[in-house]
Amino acid sequence: MAPLDKLEEVISEAVFRAEVATWARRIGVEPKEVHLRAMKRKWASCSSKGRLTFDPELLKQPAAFRAEVIVHELLHLRIPNHGPLFKAMLRAYLTKYGVNKIKVEGDLHANYST
């Protein structure tokens, strides 16, 4: 499940939650809950009730990849699908804050290809 570039040092859960909170402020959304739970097929999910769940393995990934996953899920609080508007907003936020997209191995989340 690792991105093709090198892995970084593992960050703490507190640091990860701070990253989620920072991105949420930037995007102007407020997740109701943020959970870490092992997931087999994807890095994260967003429920219709505003709950974000992230795979703890994400804490071992490079900062740019974590940002992409975090922004992706937070945007679902505004846009529930993966249509053109969602993809444009994802690219816009990542570009605005200097995050370069990272290719990942496997089909971890088919809709990450924006």
PDB file of N, CA and C in Angstrom:
ATOM      1  N   MET A   1       0.795  -1.193   0.000  1.00  0.00           N
ATOM      2  CA  MET A   1       0.000   0.000   0.000  1.00  0.00           C
ATOM      3  C   MET A   1       0.846   1.269   0.000  1.00  0.00           C
ATOM      4  N   ALA A   2       2.133   1.162  -0.175  1.00  0.00           N
ATOM      5  CA  ALA A   2       2.987   2.342  -0.047  1.00  0.00           C
ATOM      6  C   ALA A   2       3.102   3.117  -1.351  1.00  0.00           C
ATOM      7  N   PRO A   3       3.113   4.452  -1.250  1.00  0.00           N
ATOM      8  CA  PRO A   3       3.404   5.251  -2.441  1.00  0.00           C
ATOM      9  C   PRO A   3       4.779   4.904  -2.978  1.00  0.00           C
ATOM     10  N   LEU A   4       4.996   5.220  -4.236  1.00  0.00           N
ATOM     11  CA  LEU A   4       6.232   4.840  -4.898  1.00  0.00           C
ATOM     12  C   LEU A   4       7.447   5.579  -4.371  1.00  0.00           C
ATOM     13  N   ASP A   5       7.263   6.795  -3.855  1.00  0.00           N
ATOM     14  CA  ASP A   5       8.427   7.473  -3.309  1.00  0.00           C
ATOM     15  C   ASP A   5       8.682   6.969  -1.891  1.00  0.00           C
ATOM     16  N   LYS A   6       9.791   7.376  -1.323  1.00  0.00           N
ATOM     17  CA  LYS A   6      10.186   6.832  -0.028  1.00  0.00           C
ATOM     18  C   LYS A   6       9.192   7.193   1.068  1.00  0.00           C
ATOM     19  N   LEU A   7       9.103   6.310   2.048  1.00  0.00           N
ATOM     20  CA  LEU A   7       8.254   6.552   3.197  1.00  0.00           C
ATOM     21  C   LEU A   7       8.955   7.512   4.148  1.00  0.00           C
ATOM     22  N   GLU A   8       8.192   8.280   4.878  1.00  0.00           N
ATOM     23  CA  GLU A   8       8.739   9.183   5.871  1.00  0.00           C
ATOM     24  C   GLU A   8       8.637   8.538   7.239  1.00  0.00           C
ATOM     25  N   GLU A   9       9.197   9.209   8.205  1.00  0.00           N
ATOM     26  CA  GLU A   9       9.084   8.775   9.582  1.00  0.00           C
ATOM     27  C   GLU A   9       7.609   8.798   9.981  1.00  0.00           C
ATOM     28  N   VAL A  10       7.211   7.875  10.817  1.00  0.00           N
ATOM     29  CA  VAL A  10       5.827   7.801  11.268  1.00  0.00           C
ATOM     30  C   VAL A  10       5.501   9.044  12.100  1.00  0.00           C
ATOM     31  N   ILE A  11       4.362   9.655  11.803  1.00  0.00           N
ATOM     32  CA  ILE A  11       3.919  10.798  12.609  1.00  0.00           C
ATOM     33  C   ILE A  11       2.973  10.299  13.693  1.00  0.00           C
ATOM     34  N   SER A  12       2.789  11.083  14.719  1.00  0.00           N
ATOM     35  CA  SER A  12       1.883  10.701  15.800  1.00  0.00           C
ATOM     36  C   SER A  12       0.434  10.956  15.389  1.00  0.00           C
ATOM     37  N   GLU A  13      -0.471  10.337  16.127  1.00  0.00           N
ATOM     38  CA  GLU A  13      -1.893  10.573  15.874  1.00  0.00           C
ATOM     39  C   GLU A  13      -2.234  12.038  16.110  1.00  0.00           C
ATOM     40  N   ALA A  14      -1.626  12.656  17.108  1.00  0.00           N
ATOM     41  CA  ALA A  14      -1.893  14.069  17.402  1.00  0.00           C
ATOM     42  C   ALA A  14      -1.465  14.959  16.235  1.00  0.00           C
ATOM     43  N   VAL A  15      -0.316  14.673  15.647  1.00  0.00           N
ATOM     44  CA  VAL A  15       0.157  15.450  14.492  1.00  0.00           C
ATOM     45  C   VAL A  15      -0.797  15.254  13.324  1.00  0.00           C
ATOM     46  N   PHE A  16      -1.222  14.018  13.104  1.00  0.00           N
ATOM     47  CA  PHE A  16      -2.158  13.741  12.009  1.00  0.00           C
ATOM     48  C   PHE A  16      -3.467  14.499  12.215  1.00  0.00           C
ATOM     49  N   ARG A  17      -3.992  14.458  13.416  1.00  0.00           N
ATOM     50  CA  ARG A  17      -5.251  15.169  13.696  1.00  0.00           C
ATOM     51  C   ARG A  17      -5.077  16.677  13.493  1.00  0.00           C
ATOM     52  N   ALA A  18      -3.906  17.188  13.807  1.00  0.00           N
ATOM     53  CA  ALA A  18      -3.631  18.607  13.568  1.00  0.00           C
ATOM     54  C   ALA A  18      -3.612  18.901  12.070  1.00  0.00           C
ATOM     55  N   GLU A  19      -3.060  17.981  11.278  1.00  0.00           N
ATOM     56  CA  GLU A  19      -3.081  18.152   9.819  1.00  0.00           C
ATOM     57  C   GLU A  19      -4.517  18.183   9.305  1.00  0.00           C
ATOM     58  N   VAL A  20      -5.344  17.275   9.791  1.00  0.00           N
ATOM     59  CA  VAL A  20      -6.754  17.240   9.372  1.00  0.00           C
ATOM     60  C   VAL A  20      -7.433  18.556   9.757  1.00  0.00           C
ATOM     61  N   ALA A  21      -7.204  19.026  10.972  1.00  0.00           N
ATOM     62  CA  ALA A  21      -7.831  20.277  11.430  1.00  0.00           C
ATOM     63  C   ALA A  21      -7.362  21.467  10.592  1.00  0.00           C
ATOM     64  N   THR A  22      -6.086  21.507  10.257  1.00  0.00           N
ATOM     65  CA  THR A  22      -5.551  22.604   9.440  1.00  0.00           C
ATOM     66  C   THR A  22      -6.206  22.611   8.069  1.00  0.00           C
ATOM     67  N   TRP A  23      -6.270  21.456   7.430  1.00  0.00           N
ATOM     68  CA  TRP A  23      -6.904  21.382   6.104  1.00  0.00           C
ATOM     69  C   TRP A  23      -8.395  21.700   6.187  1.00  0.00           C
ATOM     70  N   ALA A  24      -9.054  21.259   7.246  1.00  0.00           N
ATOM     71  CA  ALA A  24     -10.490  21.548   7.395  1.00  0.00           C
ATOM     72  C   ALA A  24     -10.724  23.058   7.456  1.00  0.00           C
ATOM     73  N   ARG A  25      -9.870  23.767   8.199  1.00  0.00           N
ATOM     74  CA  ARG A  25      -9.998  25.239   8.266  1.00  0.00           C
ATOM     75  C   ARG A  25      -9.772  25.858   6.891  1.00  0.00           C
ATOM     76  N   ARG A  26      -8.770  25.389   6.180  1.00  0.00           N
ATOM     77  CA  ARG A  26      -8.473  25.935   4.849  1.00  0.00           C
ATOM     78  C   ARG A  26      -9.652  25.757   3.902  1.00  0.00           C
ATOM     79  N   ILE A  27     -10.291  24.604   3.995  1.00  0.00           N
ATOM     80  CA  ILE A  27     -11.390  24.277   3.082  1.00  0.00           C
ATOM     81  C   ILE A  27     -12.708  24.868   3.578  1.00  0.00           C
ATOM     82  N   GLY A  28     -12.784  25.143   4.863  1.00  0.00           N
ATOM     83  CA  GLY A  28     -14.006  25.708   5.430  1.00  0.00           C
ATOM     84  C   GLY A  28     -15.051  24.667   5.766  1.00  0.00           C
ATOM     85  N   VAL A  29     -14.593  23.508   6.230  1.00  0.00           N
ATOM     86  CA  VAL A  29     -15.519  22.445   6.623  1.00  0.00           C
ATOM     87  C   VAL A  29     -15.196  22.015   8.053  1.00  0.00           C
ATOM     88  N   GLU A  30     -16.162  21.345   8.688  1.00  0.00           N
ATOM     89  CA  GLU A  30     -15.973  20.836  10.046  1.00  0.00           C
ATOM     90  C   GLU A  30     -16.454  19.399  10.114  1.00  0.00           C
ATOM     91  N   PRO A  31     -15.507  18.440  10.077  1.00  0.00           N
ATOM     92  CA  PRO A  31     -15.942  17.047  10.226  1.00  0.00           C
ATOM     93  C   PRO A  31     -16.541  16.835  11.614  1.00  0.00           C
ATOM     94  N   LYS A  32     -17.584  16.029  11.692  1.00  0.00           N
ATOM     95  CA  LYS A  32     -18.218  15.751  12.986  1.00  0.00           C
ATOM     96  C   LYS A  32     -17.312  14.885  13.856  1.00  0.00           C
ATOM     97  N   GLU A  33     -16.645  13.916  13.223  1.00  0.00           N
ATOM     98  CA  GLU A  33     -15.754  12.997  13.933  1.00  0.00           C
ATOM     99  C   GLU A  33     -14.597  12.640  13.004  1.00  0.00           C
ATOM    100  N   VAL A  34     -13.450  12.346  13.607  1.00  0.00           N
ATOM    101  CA  VAL A  34     -12.293  11.852  12.860  1.00  0.00           C
ATOM    102  C   VAL A  34     -11.799  10.605  13.582  1.00  0.00           C
ATOM    103  N   HIS A  35     -11.778   9.483  12.855  1.00  0.00           N
ATOM    104  CA  HIS A  35     -11.363   8.200  13.442  1.00  0.00           C
ATOM    105  C   HIS A  35     -10.188   7.620  12.673  1.00  0.00           C
ATOM    106  N   LEU A  36      -9.406   6.810  13.361  1.00  0.00           N
ATOM    107  CA  LEU A  36      -8.369   5.997  12.732  1.00  0.00           C
ATOM    108  C   LEU A  36      -8.774   4.541  12.921  1.00  0.00           C
ATOM    109  N   ARG A  37      -8.840   3.801  11.815  1.00  0.00           N
ATOM    110  CA  ARG A  37      -9.243   2.396  11.860  1.00  0.00           C
ATOM    111  C   ARG A  37      -8.625   1.695  10.661  1.00  0.00           C
ATOM    112  N   ALA A  38      -8.116   0.497  10.883  1.00  0.00           N
ATOM    113  CA  ALA A  38      -7.515  -0.261   9.784  1.00  0.00           C
ATOM    114  C   ALA A  38      -8.542  -0.492   8.679  1.00  0.00           C
ATOM    115  N   MET A  39      -8.103  -0.258   7.449  1.00  0.00           N
ATOM    116  CA  MET A  39      -8.958  -0.446   6.285  1.00  0.00           C
ATOM    117  C   MET A  39      -8.203  -1.317   5.287  1.00  0.00           C
ATOM    118  N   LYS A  40      -8.896  -2.224   4.627  1.00  0.00           N
ATOM    119  CA  LYS A  40      -8.233  -3.152   3.721  1.00  0.00           C
ATOM    120  C   LYS A  40      -8.070  -2.625   2.307  1.00  0.00           C
ATOM    121  N   ARG A  41      -9.010  -1.837   1.820  1.00  0.00           N
ATOM    122  CA  ARG A  41      -9.020  -1.490   0.397  1.00  0.00           C
ATOM    123  C   ARG A  41      -8.853  -0.018   0.074  1.00  0.00           C
ATOM    124  N   LYS A  42      -8.837   0.826   1.077  1.00  0.00           N
ATOM    125  CA  LYS A  42      -8.692   2.251   0.798  1.00  0.00           C
ATOM    126  C   LYS A  42      -8.025   2.932   1.977  1.00  0.00           C
ATOM    127  N   TRP A  43      -7.592   4.132   1.748  1.00  0.00           N
ATOM    128  CA  TRP A  43      -6.895   4.899   2.776  1.00  0.00           C
ATOM    129  C   TRP A  43      -7.853   5.599   3.711  1.00  0.00           C
ATOM    130  N   ALA A  44      -9.055   5.928   3.245  1.00  0.00           N
ATOM    131  CA  ALA A  44      -9.965   6.720   4.064  1.00  0.00           C
ATOM    132  C   ALA A  44     -11.378   6.648   3.521  1.00  0.00           C
ATOM    133  N   SER A  45     -12.315   7.130   4.340  1.00  0.00           N
ATOM    134  CA  SER A  45     -13.703   7.225   3.887  1.00  0.00           C
ATOM    135  C   SER A  45     -14.376   8.391   4.611  1.00  0.00           C
ATOM    136  N   CYS A  46     -15.486   8.824   4.037  1.00  0.00           N
ATOM    137  CA  CYS A  46     -16.281   9.915   4.602  1.00  0.00           C
ATOM    138  C   CYS A  46     -17.739   9.474   4.612  1.00  0.00           C
ATOM    139  N   SER A  47     -18.362   9.504   5.777  1.00  0.00           N
ATOM    140  CA  SER A  47     -19.771   9.115   5.862  1.00  0.00           C
ATOM    141  C   SER A  47     -20.669  10.306   5.540  1.00  0.00           C
ATOM    142  N   SER A  48     -21.904  10.019   5.222  1.00  0.00           N
ATOM    143  CA  SER A  48     -22.866  11.089   4.919  1.00  0.00           C
ATOM    144  C   SER A  48     -23.185  11.919   6.159  1.00  0.00           C
ATOM    145  N   LYS A  49     -22.825  11.432   7.338  1.00  0.00           N
ATOM    146  CA  LYS A  49     -23.060  12.170   8.583  1.00  0.00           C
ATOM    147  C   LYS A  49     -21.849  13.006   8.997  1.00  0.00           C
ATOM    148  N   GLY A  50     -20.817  13.037   8.134  1.00  0.00           N
ATOM    149  CA  GLY A  50     -19.666  13.884   8.426  1.00  0.00           C
ATOM    150  C   GLY A  50     -18.553  13.234   9.213  1.00  0.00           C
ATOM    151  N   ARG A  51     -18.560  11.897   9.284  1.00  0.00           N
ATOM    152  CA  ARG A  51     -17.501  11.190   9.995  1.00  0.00           C
ATOM    153  C   ARG A  51     -16.411  10.785   9.013  1.00  0.00           C
ATOM    154  N   LEU A  52     -15.165  11.167   9.304  1.00  0.00           N
ATOM    155  CA  LEU A  52     -14.025  10.776   8.488  1.00  0.00           C
ATOM    156  C   LEU A  52     -13.303   9.637   9.174  1.00  0.00           C
ATOM    157  N   THR A  53     -12.949   8.617   8.412  1.00  0.00           N
ATOM    158  CA  THR A  53     -12.188   7.495   8.941  1.00  0.00           C
ATOM    159  C   THR A  53     -10.951   7.329   8.078  1.00  0.00           C
ATOM    160  N   PHE A  54      -9.793   7.254   8.724  1.00  0.00           N
ATOM    161  CA  PHE A  54      -8.516   7.110   8.028  1.00  0.00           C
ATOM    162  C   PHE A  54      -7.819   5.838   8.492  1.00  0.00           C
ATOM    163  N   ASP A  55      -7.120   5.194   7.565  1.00  0.00           N
ATOM    164  CA  ASP A  55      -6.318   4.024   7.898  1.00  0.00           C
ATOM    165  C   ASP A  55      -5.075   4.503   8.648  1.00  0.00           C
ATOM    166  N   PRO A  56      -4.745   3.906   9.795  1.00  0.00           N
ATOM    167  CA  PRO A  56      -3.554   4.323  10.548  1.00  0.00           C
ATOM    168  C   PRO A  56      -2.258   4.194   9.747  1.00  0.00           C
ATOM    169  N   GLU A  57      -2.246   3.358   8.718  1.00  0.00           N
ATOM    170  CA  GLU A  57      -1.059   3.230   7.867  1.00  0.00           C
ATOM    171  C   GLU A  57      -0.744   4.555   7.170  1.00  0.00           C
ATOM    172  N   LEU A  58      -1.735   5.424   7.069  1.00  0.00           N
ATOM    173  CA  LEU A  58      -1.533   6.722   6.441  1.00  0.00           C
ATOM    174  C   LEU A  58      -0.509   7.561   7.221  1.00  0.00           C
ATOM    175  N   LEU A  59      -0.384   7.300   8.515  1.00  0.00           N
ATOM    176  CA  LEU A  59       0.559   8.039   9.351  1.00  0.00           C
ATOM    177  C   LEU A  59       2.015   7.720   8.998  1.00  0.00           C
ATOM    178  N   LYS A  60       2.222   6.676   8.199  1.00  0.00           N
ATOM    179  CA  LYS A  60       3.570   6.279   7.764  1.00  0.00           C
ATOM    180  C   LYS A  60       3.903   6.796   6.367  1.00  0.00           C
ATOM    181  N   GLN A  61       2.960   7.490   5.743  1.00  0.00           N
ATOM    182  CA  GLN A  61       3.123   7.914   4.358  1.00  0.00           C
ATOM    183  C   GLN A  61       3.698   9.329   4.277  1.00  0.00           C
ATOM    184  N   PRO A  62       4.254   9.685   3.114  1.00  0.00           N
ATOM    185  CA  PRO A  62       4.793  11.038   2.929  1.00  0.00           C
ATOM    186  C   PRO A  62       3.718  12.112   3.129  1.00  0.00           C
ATOM    187  N   ALA A  63       4.153  13.273   3.588  1.00  0.00           N
ATOM    188  CA  ALA A  63       3.239  14.374   3.894  1.00  0.00           C
ATOM    189  C   ALA A  63       2.352  14.746   2.713  1.00  0.00           C
ATOM    190  N   ALA A  64       2.918  14.758   1.508  1.00  0.00           N
ATOM    191  CA  ALA A  64       2.127  15.136   0.331  1.00  0.00           C
ATOM    192  C   ALA A  64       1.008  14.134   0.079  1.00  0.00           C
ATOM    193  N   PHE A  65       1.288  12.867   0.269  1.00  0.00           N
ATOM    194  CA  PHE A  65       0.250  11.854   0.063  1.00  0.00           C
ATOM    195  C   PHE A  65      -0.822  11.961   1.137  1.00  0.00           C
ATOM    196  N   ARG A  66      -0.390  12.160   2.405  1.00  0.00           N
ATOM    197  CA  ARG A  66      -1.373  12.342   3.479  1.00  0.00           C
ATOM    198  C   ARG A  66      -2.277  13.525   3.165  1.00  0.00           C
ATOM    199  N   ALA A  67      -1.692  14.618   2.705  1.00  0.00           N
ATOM    200  CA  ALA A  67      -2.477  15.812   2.385  1.00  0.00           C
ATOM    201  C   ALA A  67      -3.501  15.504   1.299  1.00  0.00           C
ATOM    202  N   GLU A  68      -3.089  14.769   0.275  1.00  0.00           N
ATOM    203  CA  GLU A  68      -4.023  14.438  -0.798  1.00  0.00           C
ATOM    204  C   GLU A  68      -5.215  13.645  -0.278  1.00  0.00           C
ATOM    205  N   VAL A  69      -4.948  12.665   0.574  1.00  0.00           N
ATOM    206  CA  VAL A  69      -6.025  11.848   1.130  1.00  0.00           C
ATOM    207  C   VAL A  69      -6.921  12.690   2.046  1.00  0.00           C
ATOM    208  N   ILE A  70      -6.311  13.493   2.896  1.00  0.00           N
ATOM    209  CA  ILE A  70      -7.078  14.332   3.819  1.00  0.00           C
ATOM    210  C   ILE A  70      -7.972  15.304   3.049  1.00  0.00           C
ATOM    211  N   VAL A  71      -7.409  16.007   2.078  1.00  0.00           N
ATOM    212  CA  VAL A  71      -8.191  16.972   1.295  1.00  0.00           C
ATOM    213  C   VAL A  71      -9.313  16.261   0.549  1.00  0.00           C
ATOM    214  N   HIS A  72      -9.004  15.110  -0.027  1.00  0.00           N
ATOM    215  CA  HIS A  72     -10.011  14.328  -0.755  1.00  0.00           C
ATOM    216  C   HIS A  72     -11.223  14.066   0.153  1.00  0.00           C
ATOM    217  N   GLU A  73     -10.967  13.551   1.340  1.00  0.00           N
ATOM    218  CA  GLU A  73     -12.083  13.206   2.224  1.00  0.00           C
ATOM    219  C   GLU A  73     -12.800  14.448   2.744  1.00  0.00           C
ATOM    220  N   LEU A  74     -12.062  15.481   3.103  1.00  0.00           N
ATOM    221  CA  LEU A  74     -12.709  16.705   3.577  1.00  0.00           C
ATOM    222  C   LEU A  74     -13.591  17.332   2.498  1.00  0.00           C
ATOM    223  N   LEU A  75     -13.168  17.269   1.256  1.00  0.00           N
ATOM    224  CA  LEU A  75     -13.987  17.825   0.171  1.00  0.00           C
ATOM    225  C   LEU A  75     -15.324  17.101   0.032  1.00  0.00           C
ATOM    226  N   HIS A  76     -15.343  15.824   0.443  1.00  0.00           N
ATOM    227  CA  HIS A  76     -16.614  15.094   0.386  1.00  0.00           C
ATOM    228  C   HIS A  76     -17.649  15.679   1.346  1.00  0.00           C
ATOM    229  N   LEU A  77     -17.222  16.469   2.315  1.00  0.00           N
ATOM    230  CA  LEU A  77     -18.182  17.127   3.193  1.00  0.00           C
ATOM    231  C   LEU A  77     -18.929  18.226   2.445  1.00  0.00           C
ATOM    232  N   ARG A  78     -18.369  18.677   1.335  1.00  0.00           N
ATOM    233  CA  ARG A  78     -19.022  19.684   0.469  1.00  0.00           C
ATOM    234  C   ARG A  78     -19.605  19.061  -0.786  1.00  0.00           C
ATOM    235  N   ILE A  79     -18.881  18.118  -1.367  1.00  0.00           N
ATOM    236  CA  ILE A  79     -19.265  17.521  -2.649  1.00  0.00           C
ATOM    237  C   ILE A  79     -19.244  16.001  -2.482  1.00  0.00           C
ATOM    238  N   PRO A  80     -20.393  15.343  -2.490  1.00  0.00           N
ATOM    239  CA  PRO A  80     -20.442  13.914  -2.169  1.00  0.00           C
ATOM    240  C   PRO A  80     -19.967  12.965  -3.279  1.00  0.00           C
ATOM    241  N   ASN A  81     -19.731  13.476  -4.473  1.00  0.00           N
ATOM    242  CA  ASN A  81     -19.350  12.593  -5.579  1.00  0.00           C
ATOM    243  C   ASN A  81     -17.944  12.928  -6.069  1.00  0.00           C
ATOM    244  N   HIS A  82     -17.510  12.211  -7.115  1.00  0.00           N
ATOM    245  CA  HIS A  82     -16.183  12.434  -7.694  1.00  0.00           C
ATOM    246  C   HIS A  82     -16.277  13.063  -9.084  1.00  0.00           C
ATOM    247  N   GLY A  83     -17.255  13.919  -9.279  1.00  0.00           N
ATOM    248  CA  GLY A  83     -17.468  14.556 -10.579  1.00  0.00           C
ATOM    249  C   GLY A  83     -16.430  15.623 -10.883  1.00  0.00           C
ATOM    250  N   PRO A  84     -16.620  16.314 -11.998  1.00  0.00           N
ATOM    251  CA  PRO A  84     -15.658  17.335 -12.441  1.00  0.00           C
ATOM    252  C   PRO A  84     -15.421  18.446 -11.413  1.00  0.00           C
ATOM    253  N   LEU A  85     -16.470  18.898 -10.725  1.00  0.00           N
ATOM    254  CA  LEU A  85     -16.294  19.947  -9.720  1.00  0.00           C
ATOM    255  C   LEU A  85     -15.408  19.450  -8.576  1.00  0.00           C
ATOM    256  N   PHE A  86     -15.659  18.227  -8.106  1.00  0.00           N
ATOM    257  CA  PHE A  86     -14.851  17.646  -7.035  1.00  0.00           C
ATOM    258  C   PHE A  86     -13.385  17.577  -7.463  1.00  0.00           C
ATOM    259  N   LYS A  87     -13.141  17.057  -8.649  1.00  0.00           N
ATOM    260  CA  LYS A  87     -11.768  16.911  -9.139  1.00  0.00           C
ATOM    261  C   LYS A  87     -11.078  18.262  -9.298  1.00  0.00           C
ATOM    262  N   ALA A  88     -11.815  19.251  -9.776  1.00  0.00           N
ATOM    263  CA  ALA A  88     -11.242  20.586  -9.942  1.00  0.00           C
ATOM    264  C   ALA A  88     -10.899  21.204  -8.587  1.00  0.00           C
ATOM    265  N   MET A  89     -11.775  21.037  -7.616  1.00  0.00           N
ATOM    266  CA  MET A  89     -11.507  21.596  -6.289  1.00  0.00           C
ATOM    267  C   MET A  89     -10.339  20.882  -5.608  1.00  0.00           C
ATOM    268  N   LEU A  90     -10.255  19.573  -5.775  1.00  0.00           N
ATOM    269  CA  LEU A  90      -9.134  18.822  -5.213  1.00  0.00           C
ATOM    270  C   LEU A  90      -7.823  19.339  -5.790  1.00  0.00           C
ATOM    271  N   ARG A  91      -7.768  19.463  -7.112  1.00  0.00           N
ATOM    272  CA  ARG A  91      -6.549  19.989  -7.761  1.00  0.00           C
ATOM    273  C   ARG A  91      -6.247  21.407  -7.288  1.00  0.00           C
ATOM    274  N   ALA A  92      -7.285  22.233  -7.180  1.00  0.00           N
ATOM    275  CA  ALA A  92      -7.090  23.626  -6.786  1.00  0.00           C
ATOM    276  C   ALA A  92      -6.507  23.734  -5.378  1.00  0.00           C
ATOM    277  N   TYR A  93      -7.054  23.001  -4.419  1.00  0.00           N
ATOM    278  CA  TYR A  93      -6.528  23.074  -3.049  1.00  0.00           C
ATOM    279  C   TYR A  93      -5.107  22.532  -2.977  1.00  0.00           C
ATOM    280  N   LEU A  94      -4.849  21.414  -3.633  1.00  0.00           N
ATOM    281  CA  LEU A  94      -3.504  20.836  -3.579  1.00  0.00           C
ATOM    282  C   LEU A  94      -2.493  21.769  -4.230  1.00  0.00           C
ATOM    283  N   THR A  95      -2.873  22.390  -5.337  1.00  0.00           N
ATOM    284  CA  THR A  95      -1.973  23.315  -6.034  1.00  0.00           C
ATOM    285  C   THR A  95      -1.754  24.573  -5.209  1.00  0.00           C
ATOM    286  N   LYS A  96      -2.827  25.125  -4.657  1.00  0.00           N
ATOM    287  CA  LYS A  96      -2.729  26.362  -3.876  1.00  0.00           C
ATOM    288  C   LYS A  96      -1.751  26.227  -2.721  1.00  0.00           C
ATOM    289  N   TYR A  97      -1.729  25.061  -2.099  1.00  0.00           N
ATOM    290  CA  TYR A  97      -0.864  24.853  -0.941  1.00  0.00           C
ATOM    291  C   TYR A  97       0.400  24.075  -1.284  1.00  0.00           C
ATOM    292  N   GLY A  98       0.723  23.974  -2.571  1.00  0.00           N
ATOM    293  CA  GLY A  98       1.994  23.404  -3.003  1.00  0.00           C
ATOM    294  C   GLY A  98       2.150  21.912  -2.804  1.00  0.00           C
ATOM    295  N   VAL A  99       1.040  21.178  -2.838  1.00  0.00           N
ATOM    296  CA  VAL A  99       1.111  19.727  -2.673  1.00  0.00           C
ATOM    297  C   VAL A  99       1.173  19.092  -4.054  1.00  0.00           C
ATOM    298  N   ASN A 100       2.212  18.305  -4.292  1.00  0.00           N
ATOM    299  CA  ASN A 100       2.339  17.583  -5.559  1.00  0.00           C
ATOM    300  C   ASN A 100       1.694  16.221  -5.412  1.00  0.00           C
ATOM    301  N   LYS A 101       0.889  15.842  -6.406  1.00  0.00           N
ATOM    302  CA  LYS A 101       0.224  14.537  -6.361  1.00  0.00           C
ATOM    303  C   LYS A 101       1.249  13.423  -6.450  1.00  0.00           C
ATOM    304  N   ILE A 102       0.998  12.349  -5.731  1.00  0.00           N
ATOM    305  CA  ILE A 102       1.886  11.200  -5.689  1.00  0.00           C
ATOM    306  C   ILE A 102       1.148   9.991  -6.246  1.00  0.00           C
ATOM    307  N   LYS A 103       1.792   9.258  -7.102  1.00  0.00           N
ATOM    308  CA  LYS A 103       1.189   8.031  -7.630  1.00  0.00           C
ATOM    309  C   LYS A 103       1.286   6.945  -6.561  1.00  0.00           C
ATOM    310  N   VAL A 104       0.263   6.091  -6.494  1.00  0.00           N
ATOM    311  CA  VAL A 104       0.282   4.999  -5.531  1.00  0.00           C
ATOM    312  C   VAL A 104       0.195   3.679  -6.263  1.00  0.00           C
ATOM    313  N   GLU A 105       0.715   2.637  -5.627  1.00  0.00           N
ATOM    314  CA  GLU A 105       0.638   1.303  -6.202  1.00  0.00           C
ATOM    315  C   GLU A 105      -0.756   0.735  -5.961  1.00  0.00           C
ATOM    316  N   GLY A 106      -1.220  -0.086  -6.874  1.00  0.00           N
ATOM    317  CA  GLY A 106      -2.488  -0.768  -6.687  1.00  0.00           C
ATOM    318  C   GLY A 106      -3.682   0.147  -6.887  1.00  0.00           C
ATOM    319  N   ASP A 107      -4.850  -0.417  -6.680  1.00  0.00           N
ATOM    320  CA  ASP A 107      -6.103   0.300  -6.863  1.00  0.00           C
ATOM    321  C   ASP A 107      -6.714   0.566  -5.488  1.00  0.00           C
ATOM    322  N   LEU A 108      -6.051   1.414  -4.704  1.00  0.00           N
ATOM    323  CA  LEU A 108      -6.461   1.631  -3.327  1.00  0.00           C
ATOM    324  C   LEU A 108      -7.718   2.467  -3.234  1.00  0.00           C
ATOM    325  N   HIS A 109      -7.875   3.380  -4.137  1.00  0.00           N
ATOM    326  CA  HIS A 109      -9.088   4.204  -4.197  1.00  0.00           C
ATOM    327  C   HIS A 109      -9.182   4.652  -5.642  1.00  0.00           C
ATOM    328  N   ALA A 110      -9.969   3.960  -6.410  1.00  0.00           N
ATOM    329  CA  ALA A 110     -10.013   4.168  -7.862  1.00  0.00           C
ATOM    330  C   ALA A 110     -10.229   5.623  -8.240  1.00  0.00           C
ATOM    331  N   ASN A 111     -10.864   6.394  -7.384  1.00  0.00           N
ATOM    332  CA  ASN A 111     -11.195   7.773  -7.720  1.00  0.00           C
ATOM    333  C   ASN A 111     -10.116   8.769  -7.335  1.00  0.00           C
ATOM    334  N   TYR A 112      -8.959   8.308  -6.897  1.00  0.00           N
ATOM    335  CA  TYR A 112      -7.876   9.236  -6.598  1.00  0.00           C
ATOM    336  C   TYR A 112      -7.202   9.714  -7.870  1.00  0.00           C
ATOM    337  N   SER A 113      -7.492   9.102  -9.003  1.00  0.00           N
ATOM    338  CA  SER A 113      -6.863   9.542 -10.250  1.00  0.00           C
ATOM    339  C   SER A 113      -7.615  10.741 -10.788  1.00  0.00           C
ATOM    340  N   THR A 114      -7.169  11.931 -10.409  1.00  0.00           N
ATOM    341  CA  THR A 114      -7.832  13.161 -10.856  1.00  0.00           C
ATOM    342  C   THR A 114      -6.984  13.864 -11.866  1.00  0.00           C
TER     343      THR A 114
END
